[in-house]
C-alpha atoms as a PDB file:
ATOM      1  CA  MET A   1     189.089  45.441  30.975  1.00  0.00           C
ATOM      2  CA  ASP A   2     192.641  44.897  29.791  1.00  0.00           C
ATOM      3  CA  ILE A   3     193.945  47.480  32.258  1.00  0.00           C
ATOM      4  CA  ALA A   4     191.675  46.268  35.068  1.00  0.00           C
ATOM      5  CA  SER A   5     192.848  42.694  34.573  1.00  0.00           C
ATOM      6  CA  GLN A   6     196.448  43.854  35.104  1.00  0.00           C
ATOM      7  CA  ILE A   7     195.657  45.559  38.404  1.00  0.00           C
ATOM      8  CA  GLY A   8     194.730  42.292  40.066  1.00  0.00           C
ATOM      9  CA  GLY A   9     192.258  41.648  42.816  1.00  0.00           C
ATOM     10  CA  ASP A  10     188.605  40.985  42.340  1.00  0.00           C
ATOM     11  CA  VAL A  11     187.415  42.725  39.208  1.00  0.00           C
ATOM     12  CA  ARG A  12     183.755  42.209  38.433  1.00  0.00           C
ATOM     13  CA  VAL A  13     182.701  42.687  34.839  1.00  0.00           C
ATOM     14  CA  PHE A  14     179.135  42.920  33.664  1.00  0.00           C
ATOM     15  CA  THR A  15     177.466  43.693  30.382  1.00  0.00           C
ATOM     16  CA  LEU A  16     173.939  44.646  29.456  1.00  0.00           C
ATOM     17  CA  ASP A  17     172.388  41.923  27.318  1.00  0.00           C
ATOM     18  CA  THR A  18     169.393  43.732  25.877  1.00  0.00           C
ATOM     19  CA  GLY A  19     168.131  40.743  23.935  1.00  0.00           C
ATOM     20  CA  ARG A  20     168.882  42.601  20.677  1.00  0.00           C
ATOM     21  CA  LEU A  21     172.687  42.409  20.593  1.00  0.00           C
ATOM     22  CA  PRO A  22     174.523  41.509  17.375  1.00  0.00           C
ATOM     23  CA  ASP A  23     175.923  37.971  17.218  1.00  0.00           C
ATOM     24  CA  GLU A  24     179.403  39.513  17.055  1.00  0.00           C
ATOM     25  CA  THR A  25     178.864  41.076  20.486  1.00  0.00           C
ATOM     26  CA  ILE A  26     177.888  37.753  22.015  1.00  0.00           C
ATOM     27  CA  SER A  27     181.049  36.229  20.515  1.00  0.00           C
ATOM     28  CA  MET A  28     183.118  39.139  21.859  1.00  0.00           C
ATOM     29  CA  ILE A  29     181.860  38.464  25.386  1.00  0.00           C
ATOM     30  CA  ASP A  30     183.170  34.899  25.054  1.00  0.00           C
ATOM     31  CA  THR A  31     186.471  36.226  23.684  1.00  0.00           C
ATOM     32  CA  VAL A  32     186.864  38.462  26.758  1.00  0.00           C
ATOM     33  CA  ARG A  33     186.064  35.593  29.112  1.00  0.00           C
ATOM     34  CA  ARG A  34     188.696  33.367  27.503  1.00  0.00           C
ATOM     35  CA  ARG A  35     191.378  36.037  27.103  1.00  0.00           C
ATOM     36  CA  TYR A  36     191.223  37.513  30.598  1.00  0.00           C
ATOM     37  CA  GLY A  37     189.838  34.622  32.615  1.00  0.00           C
ATOM     38  CA  LEU A  38     187.093  36.906  33.871  1.00  0.00           C
ATOM     39  CA  THR A  39     183.510  36.065  34.519  1.00  0.00           C
ATOM     40  CA  VAL A  40     181.344  38.425  32.493  1.00  0.00           C
ATOM     41  CA  GLU A  41     177.980  38.764  34.191  1.00  0.00           C
ATOM     42  CA  ALA A  42     175.114  39.278  31.750  1.00  0.00           C
ATOM     43  CA  VAL A  43     172.471  41.698  32.993  1.00  0.00           C
ATOM     44  CA  HIS A  44     169.090  41.247  31.327  1.00  0.00           C
ATOM     45  CA  PRO A  45     165.959  43.371  31.146  1.00  0.00           C
ATOM     46  CA  ASP A  46     162.843  42.282  32.997  1.00  0.00           C
ATOM     47  CA  PRO A  47     161.017  39.835  30.670  1.00  0.00           C
ATOM     48  CA  ALA A  48     157.595  41.079  31.830  1.00  0.00           C
ATOM     49  CA  GLU A  49     158.520  44.677  30.950  1.00  0.00           C
ATOM     50  CA  ILE A  50     159.765  43.570  27.518  1.00  0.00           C
ATOM     51  CA  GLU A  51     156.616  41.561  26.868  1.00  0.00           C
ATOM     52  CA  LYS A  52     154.330  44.448  27.864  1.00  0.00           C
ATOM     53  CA  MET A  53     156.302  46.923  25.714  1.00  0.00           C
ATOM     54  CA  ILE A  54     156.190  44.654  22.656  1.00  0.00           C
ATOM     55  CA  GLU A  55     152.476  43.923  23.103  1.00  0.00           C
ATOM     56  CA  GLN A  56     151.726  47.633  23.258  1.00  0.00           C
ATOM     57  CA  TYR A  57     154.133  49.014  20.627  1.00  0.00           C
ATOM     58  CA  GLY A  58     155.531  46.119  18.583  1.00  0.00           C
ATOM     59  CA  VAL A  59     158.985  44.536  18.444  1.00  0.00           C
ATOM     60  CA  ASP A  60     160.598  47.368  16.421  1.00  0.00           C
ATOM     61  CA  LEU A  61     158.875  50.250  18.217  1.00  0.00           C
ATOM     62  CA  PHE A  62     162.033  52.374  18.192  1.00  0.00           C
ATOM     63  CA  TYR A  63     161.591  53.232  14.500  1.00  0.00           C
ATOM     64  CA  ASP A  64     158.185  54.838  15.147  1.00  0.00           C
ATOM     65  CA  SER A  65     159.269  57.772  17.304  1.00  0.00           C
ATOM     66  CA  PRO A  66     162.106  59.090  19.478  1.00  0.00           C
ATOM     67  CA  GLU A  67     159.843  58.578  22.500  1.00  0.00           C
ATOM     68  CA  ASN A  68     159.408  54.902  21.666  1.00  0.00           C
ATOM     69  CA  ARG A  69     163.148  54.519  21.134  1.00  0.00           C
ATOM     70  CA  ARG A  70     163.806  56.074  24.535  1.00  0.00           C
ATOM     71  CA  LEU A  71     161.248  53.719  26.098  1.00  0.00           C
ATOM     72  CA  CYS A  72     162.992  50.722  24.544  1.00  0.00           C
ATOM     73  CA  CYS A  73     166.387  51.921  25.809  1.00  0.00           C
ATOM     74  CA  GLU A  74     164.883  52.587  29.245  1.00  0.00           C
ATOM     75  CA  ILE A  75     163.486  49.069  29.542  1.00  0.00           C
ATOM     76  CA  ARG A  76     166.340  47.193  27.870  1.00  0.00           C
ATOM     77  CA  LYS A  77     169.314  49.158  29.270  1.00  0.00           C
ATOM     78  CA  VAL A  78     168.667  51.863  31.854  1.00  0.00           C
ATOM     79  CA  ARG A  79     166.497  49.907  34.291  1.00  0.00           C
ATOM     80  CA  PRO A  80     168.661  46.753  34.223  1.00  0.00           C
ATOM     81  CA  LEU A  81     171.758  48.886  34.824  1.00  0.00           C
ATOM     82  CA  GLY A  82     170.077  50.632  37.743  1.00  0.00           C
ATOM     83  CA  ARG A  83     169.148  47.286  39.290  1.00  0.00           C
ATOM     84  CA  LYS A  84     172.717  45.979  38.874  1.00  0.00           C
ATOM     85  CA  LEU A  85     174.432  49.064  40.271  1.00  0.00           C
ATOM     86  CA  VAL A  86     172.893  48.574  43.720  1.00  0.00           C
ATOM     87  CA  GLU A  87     175.555  45.868  44.175  1.00  0.00           C
ATOM     88  CA  PHE A  88     178.435  48.344  43.776  1.00  0.00           C
ATOM     89  CA  ASP A  89     180.015  51.301  45.549  1.00  0.00           C
ATOM     90  CA  ALA A  90     181.966  52.194  42.379  1.00  0.00           C
ATOM     91  CA  TRP A  91     181.953  51.316  38.701  1.00  0.00           C
ATOM     92  CA  ALA A  92     183.895  52.153  35.577  1.00  0.00           C
ATOM     93  CA  ALA A  93     182.734  52.954  32.067  1.00  0.00           C
ATOM     94  CA  GLY A  94     184.642  53.446  28.820  1.00  0.00           C
ATOM     95  CA  LEU A  95     183.383  56.918  27.899  1.00  0.00           C
ATOM     96  CA  ARG A  96     185.838  59.235  26.172  1.00  0.00           C
ATOM     97  CA  ARG A  97     185.525  63.002  25.785  1.00  0.00           C
ATOM     98  CA  GLU A  98     186.198  62.998  22.049  1.00  0.00           C
ATOM     99  CA  GLN A  99     183.261  60.681  21.337  1.00  0.00           C
ATOM    100  CA  SER A 100     180.644  63.449  21.234  1.00  0.00           C
ATOM    101  CA  ASP A 101     179.696  66.914  22.416  1.00  0.00           C
ATOM    102  CA  THR A 102     177.577  65.309  25.126  1.00  0.00           C
ATOM    103  CA  ARG A 103     180.632  63.513  26.479  1.00  0.00           C
ATOM    104  CA  SER A 104     183.161  66.320  26.023  1.00  0.00           C
ATOM    105  CA  GLN A 105     183.097  67.451  29.662  1.00  0.00           C
ATOM    106  CA  ILE A 106     183.021  64.121  31.511  1.00  0.00           C
ATOM    107  CA  ALA A 107     185.219  63.935  34.563  1.00  0.00           C
ATOM    108  CA  LYS A 108     187.581  61.047  35.130  1.00  0.00           C
ATOM    109  CA  VAL A 109     185.940  60.463  38.508  1.00  0.00           C
ATOM    110  CA  GLU A 110     182.518  61.606  39.608  1.00  0.00           C
ATOM    111  CA  ARG A 111     179.888  60.774  42.175  1.00  0.00           C
ATOM    112  CA  VAL A 112     176.579  59.546  40.758  1.00  0.00           C
ATOM    113  CA  ASP A 113     173.695  58.578  43.028  1.00  0.00           C
ATOM    114  CA  GLY A 114     176.048  57.930  45.951  1.00  0.00           C
ATOM    115  CA  ARG A 115     178.463  55.805  43.895  1.00  0.00           C
ATOM    116  CA  VAL A 116     181.829  56.627  42.430  1.00  0.00           C
ATOM    117  CA  LYS A 117     181.820  56.412  38.636  1.00  0.00           C
ATOM    118  CA  ILE A 118     185.203  56.221  36.956  1.00  0.00           C
ATOM    119  CA  HIS A 119     185.955  57.058  33.315  1.00  0.00           C
ATOM    120  CA  PRO A 120     189.593  55.918  33.086  1.00  0.00           C
ATOM    121  CA  LEU A 121     189.747  56.589  29.320  1.00  0.00           C
ATOM    122  CA  ALA A 122     188.051  60.011  29.455  1.00  0.00           C
ATOM    123  CA  ASP A 123     191.023  61.914  28.050  1.00  0.00           C
ATOM    124  CA  TRP A 124     192.168  59.245  25.582  1.00  0.00           C
ATOM    125  CA  THR A 125     191.975  60.039  21.888  1.00  0.00           C
ATOM    126  CA  SER A 126     191.201  57.483  19.207  1.00  0.00           C
ATOM    127  CA  ALA A 127     194.918  57.420  18.413  1.00  0.00           C
ATOM    128  CA  ASP A 128     195.736  56.698  22.082  1.00  0.00           C
ATOM    129  CA  LEU A 129     193.232  53.876  22.096  1.00  0.00           C
ATOM    130  CA  ASP A 130     194.517  52.389  18.828  1.00  0.00           C
ATOM    131  CA  ARG A 131     198.095  52.538  20.102  1.00  0.00           C
ATOM    132  CA  TYR A 132     197.177  50.810  23.383  1.00  0.00           C
ATOM    133  CA  ILE A 133     195.238  48.096  21.541  1.00  0.00           C
ATOM    134  CA  GLN A 134     198.214  47.411  19.270  1.00  0.00           C
ATOM    135  CA  ASP A 135     200.848  47.577  22.011  1.00  0.00           C
ATOM    136  CA  HIS A 136     198.928  45.191  24.276  1.00  0.00           C
ATOM    137  CA  ASP A 137     197.321  42.942  21.658  1.00  0.00           C
ATOM    138  CA  VAL A 138     193.843  43.722  22.968  1.00  0.00           C
ATOM    139  CA  PRO A 139     190.997  41.852  21.268  1.00  0.00           C
ATOM    140  CA  VAL A 140     188.832  44.181  19.187  1.00  0.00           C
ATOM    141  CA  HIS A 141     185.130  43.779  18.507  1.00  0.00           C
ATOM    142  CA  PRO A 142     184.834  42.538  14.896  1.00  0.00           C
ATOM    143  CA  LEU A 143     182.214  45.166  13.971  1.00  0.00           C
ATOM    144  CA  TYR A 144     184.814  47.943  14.368  1.00  0.00           C
ATOM    145  CA  ARG A 145     186.605  46.489  11.332  1.00  0.00           C
ATOM    146  CA  GLN A 146     183.340  46.828   9.428  1.00  0.00           C
ATOM    147  CA  GLY A 147     183.108  50.590  10.051  1.00  0.00           C
ATOM    148  CA  TYR A 148     181.205  50.721  13.311  1.00  0.00           C
ATOM    149  CA  ALA A 149     182.409  53.485  15.638  1.00  0.00           C
ATOM    150  CA  THR A 150     180.029  52.536  18.432  1.00  0.00           C
ATOM    151  CA  ILE A 151     178.135  49.315  19.012  1.00  0.00           C
ATOM    152  CA  GLY A 152     174.780  48.798  20.645  1.00  0.00           C
ATOM    153  CA  CYS A 153     171.688  46.789  19.772  1.00  0.00           C
ATOM    154  CA  ALA A 154     171.752  45.303  16.277  1.00  0.00           C
ATOM    155  CA  PRO A 155     168.827  47.202  14.756  1.00  0.00           C
ATOM    156  CA  CYS A 156     169.883  50.489  16.344  1.00  0.00           C
ATOM    157  CA  THR A 157     173.508  50.609  15.190  1.00  0.00           C
ATOM    158  CA  ARG A 158     175.128  50.827  11.768  1.00  0.00           C
ATOM    159  CA  PRO A 159     178.614  51.523  10.404  1.00  0.00           C
ATOM    160  CA  ILE A 160     179.443  55.199   9.942  1.00  0.00           C
ATOM    161  CA  LEU A 161     180.497  56.816   6.705  1.00  0.00           C
ATOM    162  CA  PRO A 162     183.818  58.677   6.292  1.00  0.00           C
ATOM    163  CA  GLY A 163     183.560  62.093   7.950  1.00  0.00           C
ATOM    164  CA  GLU A 164     180.481  61.235  10.019  1.00  0.00           C
ATOM    165  CA  ASP A 165     180.363  61.882  13.760  1.00  0.00           C
ATOM    166  CA  GLN A 166     181.333  58.855  15.879  1.00  0.00           C
ATOM    167  CA  ARG A 167     177.768  58.596  17.219  1.00  0.00           C
ATOM    168  CA  ALA A 168     176.095  58.881  13.775  1.00  0.00           C
ATOM    169  CA  GLY A 169     175.661  55.125  13.580  1.00  0.00           C
ATOM    170  CA  ARG A 170     173.415  55.093  16.630  1.00  0.00           C
ATOM    171  CA  TRP A 171     169.695  55.528  15.985  1.00  0.00           C
ATOM    172  CA  TRP A 172     170.660  56.536  12.452  1.00  0.00           C
ATOM    173  CA  TRP A 173     167.051  57.135  11.412  1.00  0.00           C
ATOM    174  CA  GLU A 174     166.622  59.920  14.004  1.00  0.00           C
ATOM    175  CA  GLN A 175     167.487  63.480  13.034  1.00  0.00           C
ATOM    176  CA  THR A 176     168.920  64.563  16.368  1.00  0.00           C
ATOM    177  CA  THR A 177     172.315  65.715  17.500  1.00  0.00           C
ATOM    178  CA  HIS A 178     172.095  63.875  20.827  1.00  0.00           C
ATOM    179  CA  LYS A 179     172.819  60.190  20.492  1.00  0.00           C
ATOM    180  CA  GLU A 180     172.467  58.886  24.047  1.00  0.00           C
ATOM    181  CA  CYS A 181     170.268  56.132  25.463  1.00  0.00           C
ATOM    182  CA  GLY A 182     169.965  57.197  29.087  1.00  0.00           C
ATOM    183  CA  ILE A 183     172.644  55.057  30.702  1.00  0.00           C
ATOM    184  CA  HIS A 184     175.130  57.898  31.110  1.00  0.00           C
ATOM    185  CA  PHE A 185     173.161  60.919  29.939  1.00  0.00           C
ATOM    186  CA  SER A 186     169.521  61.496  29.164  1.00  0.00           C
ATOM    187  CA  PRO A 187     168.648  60.992  25.483  1.00  0.00           C
ATOM    188  CA  ASP A 188     168.525  64.773  25.009  1.00  0.00           C
ATOM    189  CA  GLY A 189     172.134  65.073  26.217  1.00  0.00           C
ATOM    190  CA  LYS A 190     171.451  66.499  29.675  1.00  0.00           C
ATOM    191  CA  VAL A 191     173.547  65.298  32.566  1.00  0.00           C
ATOM    192  CA  HIS A 192     171.278  62.653  34.034  1.00  0.00           C
ATOM    193  CA  ARG A 193     172.460  59.168  34.662  1.00  0.00           C
ATOM    194  CA  ALA A 194     171.029  55.861  35.747  1.00  0.00           C
END
């Protein structure tokens, strides 16, 4: 967003508010609004779908099985994103190749479901990112200082330990090598996107 704000013109920013975000993420959204003068559109899941899912499986269904976790991600993230993307011809995401094996081959620009998807930071390393943040005084999500390498829903994300993979903090109770929710790749790591 820092780079996009420098380009000028109409930059639309949206975030997926799953209803399970950490308080620090909600505060960070306000920080971004104030810092860049951007409107951050919150995209929410369908309340009826959430209610039906919780009635059937419980509020913390994701701990019960990988299938339930994927269902929760589908309802809280993938479907809302799909509904929002119909408003756009192109969109950008912050994926970087070094984040995981699943992401190691992402292109900087690709066509997904008739839209252009841009990954402007695809070839950036963590060192590149840290340098840019310092050089441009970019606000940083407070959970990164607490050891988080990736941030999602509060119950589904934890800080990582030294030497752990960057995605190890996601769905930490699952014993799988693929740590994706379905927004960019299917949960099993296959190239399938919303």
